[in-house]
Amino acid sequence: MHARRKYVECVEAFPQAEEALEMIAGLYAVEREYKEGAESLERLLELRQHKSRPLIERLHPWACEQRALPQSALGQAIKYMSNRWTGLTRFLTDPRVPLDNRATERAIRGLALGRKNHYGSRSRRGTEVAALYYSLMETAKLCGVDPKRYLREAALAALRGEAIPLPNQLAQPAAG
């Protein structure tokens, strides 16, 4: 997603970036094709090997052949992708790895916003407490625990002099 975004940002000034975007769009098309059929890791791996791998094998040489100043938008897009190539292509060999990281980014958005909001805090202790608070709230959400419920349970435990539970300790065990 981030590598794609870099090319989107430079395509107006560097029309050749459209070629990279078309190859990346092809990768997303393979993922959509997978969602239309029976979902299994074996099928996804097979689709990625037969359809995504050829696109990736075209994308890397394409990027290496481009002539762009290193500090230009296209140069930065190519550098960003090249520096992360191993991670960006991990999805080809491990079907559990998603093509992009949107879901992860949505999940940690609250943490990132909380951290950003406290960059300018005047109190180091206040910043540390806020970071702890945001971490606990977002962890509760990721564990499927209502943050208000978690705060109530943690406060009551503290008032009773008991150990304060972590969010995962309040999570309902998975059925099955």
Protein backbone atom coordinates (compact mmCIF):
# COMPACT_ATOMS: atom_id res chain seq x y z
CA MET A 1 0.00 0.00 0.00
CA HIS A 2 2.77 2.47 0.90
CA ALA A 3 4.88 1.56 -2.12
CA ARG A 4 1.82 2.05 -4.32
CA ARG A 5 1.05 5.40 -2.67
CA LYS A 6 4.55 6.67 -3.50
CA TYR A 7 3.93 5.99 -7.21
CA VAL A 8 0.48 7.58 -7.07
CA GLU A 9 2.05 10.72 -5.60
CA CYS A 10 4.56 11.02 -8.44
CA VAL A 11 2.56 9.88 -11.48
CA GLU A 12 1.55 13.40 -12.50
CA ALA A 13 5.17 14.54 -12.79
CA PHE A 14 6.49 11.16 -13.95
CA PRO A 15 3.99 9.46 -16.30
CA GLN A 16 6.17 6.32 -16.45
CA ALA A 17 5.05 5.61 -12.87
CA GLU A 18 1.72 4.58 -14.40
CA GLU A 19 3.39 1.38 -15.56
CA ALA A 20 4.30 0.49 -11.97
CA LEU A 21 0.77 1.30 -10.86
CA GLU A 22 -0.65 -1.03 -13.52
CA MET A 23 1.54 -3.90 -12.30
CA ILE A 24 0.55 -3.21 -8.70
CA ALA A 25 -3.12 -3.08 -9.75
CA GLY A 26 -2.60 -6.52 -11.27
CA LEU A 27 -1.48 -7.80 -7.87
CA TYR A 28 -4.69 -6.52 -6.29
CA ALA A 29 -6.70 -8.12 -9.11
CA VAL A 30 -5.19 -11.50 -8.20
CA GLU A 31 -6.26 -11.00 -4.59
CA ARG A 32 -9.81 -10.14 -5.73
CA GLU A 33 -9.86 -13.25 -7.90
CA TYR A 34 -8.96 -15.32 -4.85
CA LYS A 35 -11.86 -13.84 -2.87
CA GLU A 36 -14.32 -14.87 -5.61
CA GLY A 37 -13.59 -18.59 -5.24
CA ALA A 38 -13.12 -21.10 -2.46
CA GLU A 39 -10.79 -19.67 0.14
CA SER A 40 -7.83 -21.85 1.11
CA LEU A 41 -4.21 -21.03 1.76
CA GLU A 42 -3.12 -23.58 -0.86
CA ARG A 43 -5.26 -21.95 -3.55
CA LEU A 44 -4.05 -18.48 -2.61
CA LEU A 45 -0.41 -19.57 -2.76
CA GLU A 46 -1.00 -21.19 -6.15
CA LEU A 47 -2.67 -18.02 -7.52
CA ARG A 48 0.14 -15.87 -6.22
CA GLN A 49 2.79 -18.14 -7.71
CA HIS A 50 1.15 -18.30 -11.14
CA LYS A 51 -0.24 -14.77 -11.43
CA SER A 52 1.40 -12.44 -8.90
CA ARG A 53 4.98 -13.68 -9.24
CA PRO A 54 5.23 -12.75 -12.97
CA LEU A 55 4.04 -9.22 -12.12
CA ILE A 56 6.62 -8.92 -9.35
CA GLU A 57 9.30 -10.29 -11.67
CA ARG A 58 8.45 -7.47 -14.13
CA LEU A 59 8.15 -4.74 -11.49
CA HIS A 60 11.63 -5.04 -10.00
CA PRO A 61 13.56 -4.83 -13.30
CA TRP A 62 11.27 -2.00 -14.41
CA ALA A 63 12.22 -0.03 -11.29
CA CYS A 64 15.93 -0.72 -11.81
CA GLU A 65 15.76 0.53 -15.42
CA GLN A 66 14.15 3.87 -14.59
CA ARG A 67 16.22 7.03 -14.94
CA ALA A 68 15.32 9.43 -12.15
CA LEU A 69 17.21 11.72 -9.83
CA PRO A 70 17.49 10.13 -6.38
CA GLN A 71 15.68 13.02 -4.69
CA SER A 72 12.88 13.24 -7.25
CA ALA A 73 9.47 11.82 -6.40
CA LEU A 74 10.01 8.89 -8.76
CA GLY A 75 13.50 8.30 -7.37
CA GLN A 76 12.08 8.29 -3.84
CA ALA A 77 9.28 5.87 -4.84
CA ILE A 78 11.80 3.48 -6.38
CA LYS A 79 14.13 3.77 -3.39
CA TYR A 80 11.27 3.15 -0.95
CA MET A 81 10.22 0.02 -2.81
CA SER A 82 13.76 -1.27 -3.33
CA ASN A 83 14.73 -0.84 0.32
CA ARG A 84 11.72 -2.93 1.38
CA TRP A 85 11.72 -5.43 -1.47
CA THR A 86 12.15 -8.55 0.68
CA GLY A 87 9.25 -7.60 2.94
CA LEU A 88 7.08 -6.42 0.07
CA THR A 89 7.45 -9.75 -1.72
CA ARG A 90 7.02 -12.01 1.33
CA PHE A 91 3.37 -12.55 0.35
CA LEU A 92 4.56 -14.66 -2.61
CA THR A 93 5.87 -17.44 -0.37
CA ASP A 94 3.59 -17.16 2.66
CA PRO A 95 -0.13 -17.09 1.88
CA ARG A 96 -0.88 -15.87 5.43
CA VAL A 97 0.81 -12.56 4.62
CA PRO A 98 -1.65 -10.07 3.14
CA LEU A 99 -0.75 -8.14 0.01
CA ASP A 100 -0.99 -4.86 1.91
CA ASN A 101 -1.05 -3.70 5.50
CA ARG A 102 -4.27 -1.65 5.60
CA ALA A 103 -5.87 -3.80 8.29
CA THR A 104 -2.82 -3.48 10.53
CA GLU A 105 -2.67 0.25 10.02
CA ARG A 106 -6.33 0.64 10.90
CA ALA A 107 -5.78 -1.44 14.03
CA ILE A 108 -2.93 0.72 15.30
CA ARG A 109 -4.33 4.07 14.17
CA GLY A 110 -5.45 5.00 17.69
CA LEU A 111 -2.00 4.30 19.08
CA ALA A 112 -0.33 6.41 16.41
CA LEU A 113 -2.75 9.32 16.94
CA GLY A 114 -2.33 9.18 20.69
CA ARG A 115 1.44 9.16 20.36
CA LYS A 116 1.31 12.08 17.92
CA ASN A 117 -0.99 14.09 20.20
CA HIS A 118 1.52 13.85 23.05
CA TYR A 119 4.71 14.81 21.22
CA GLY A 120 4.50 18.32 22.61
CA SER A 121 3.50 17.46 26.18
CA ARG A 122 5.19 19.55 28.83
CA SER A 123 5.34 16.73 31.36
CA ARG A 124 7.41 13.63 30.71
CA ARG A 125 5.40 11.72 33.32
CA GLY A 126 2.13 12.83 31.73
CA THR A 127 3.37 11.66 28.34
CA GLU A 128 4.36 8.28 29.78
CA VAL A 129 0.99 7.83 31.47
CA ALA A 130 -0.85 8.83 28.29
CA ALA A 131 1.23 6.37 26.26
CA LEU A 132 0.41 3.60 28.74
CA TYR A 133 -3.28 4.53 28.69
CA TYR A 134 -3.47 4.56 24.87
CA SER A 135 -1.60 1.27 24.69
CA LEU A 136 -4.02 -0.38 27.10
CA MET A 137 -7.10 1.00 25.34
CA GLU A 138 -5.95 -0.09 21.89
CA THR A 139 -4.84 -3.47 23.20
CA ALA A 140 -8.28 -3.93 24.75
CA LYS A 141 -9.88 -3.18 21.37
CA LEU A 142 -7.58 -5.64 19.60
CA CYS A 143 -8.48 -8.30 22.17
CA GLY A 144 -12.20 -7.70 21.63
CA VAL A 145 -12.67 -6.14 25.08
CA ASP A 146 -14.72 -2.97 25.44
CA PRO A 147 -12.23 -0.31 26.63
CA LYS A 148 -14.76 1.11 29.13
CA ARG A 149 -15.25 -2.36 30.59
CA TYR A 150 -11.50 -2.81 30.82
CA LEU A 151 -11.06 0.52 32.65
CA ARG A 152 -13.87 -0.34 35.07
CA GLU A 153 -12.43 -3.81 35.82
CA ALA A 154 -8.89 -2.44 36.21
CA ALA A 155 -10.02 0.39 38.51
CA LEU A 156 -12.11 -1.96 40.68
CA ALA A 157 -9.19 -4.40 40.95
CA ALA A 158 -6.88 -1.56 41.99
CA LEU A 159 -9.38 -0.33 44.61
CA ARG A 160 -9.64 -3.85 46.04
CA GLY A 161 -5.85 -4.08 46.18
CA GLU A 162 -5.79 -6.90 43.63
CA ALA A 163 -3.50 -7.33 40.66
CA ILE A 164 -4.69 -5.18 37.76
CA PRO A 165 -5.63 -7.43 34.82
CA LEU A 166 -4.28 -6.89 31.33
CA PRO A 167 -6.79 -6.57 28.49
CA ASN A 168 -6.08 -10.05 27.14
CA GLN A 169 -6.98 -11.51 30.54
CA LEU A 170 -10.52 -10.13 30.16
CA ALA A 171 -10.93 -11.37 26.58
CA GLN A 172 -13.44 -14.15 25.99
CA PRO A 173 -11.75 -17.38 24.94
CA ALA A 174 -12.29 -18.23 21.28
CA ALA A 175 -15.03 -20.75 20.64
CA GLY A 176 -13.96 -24.04 19.18
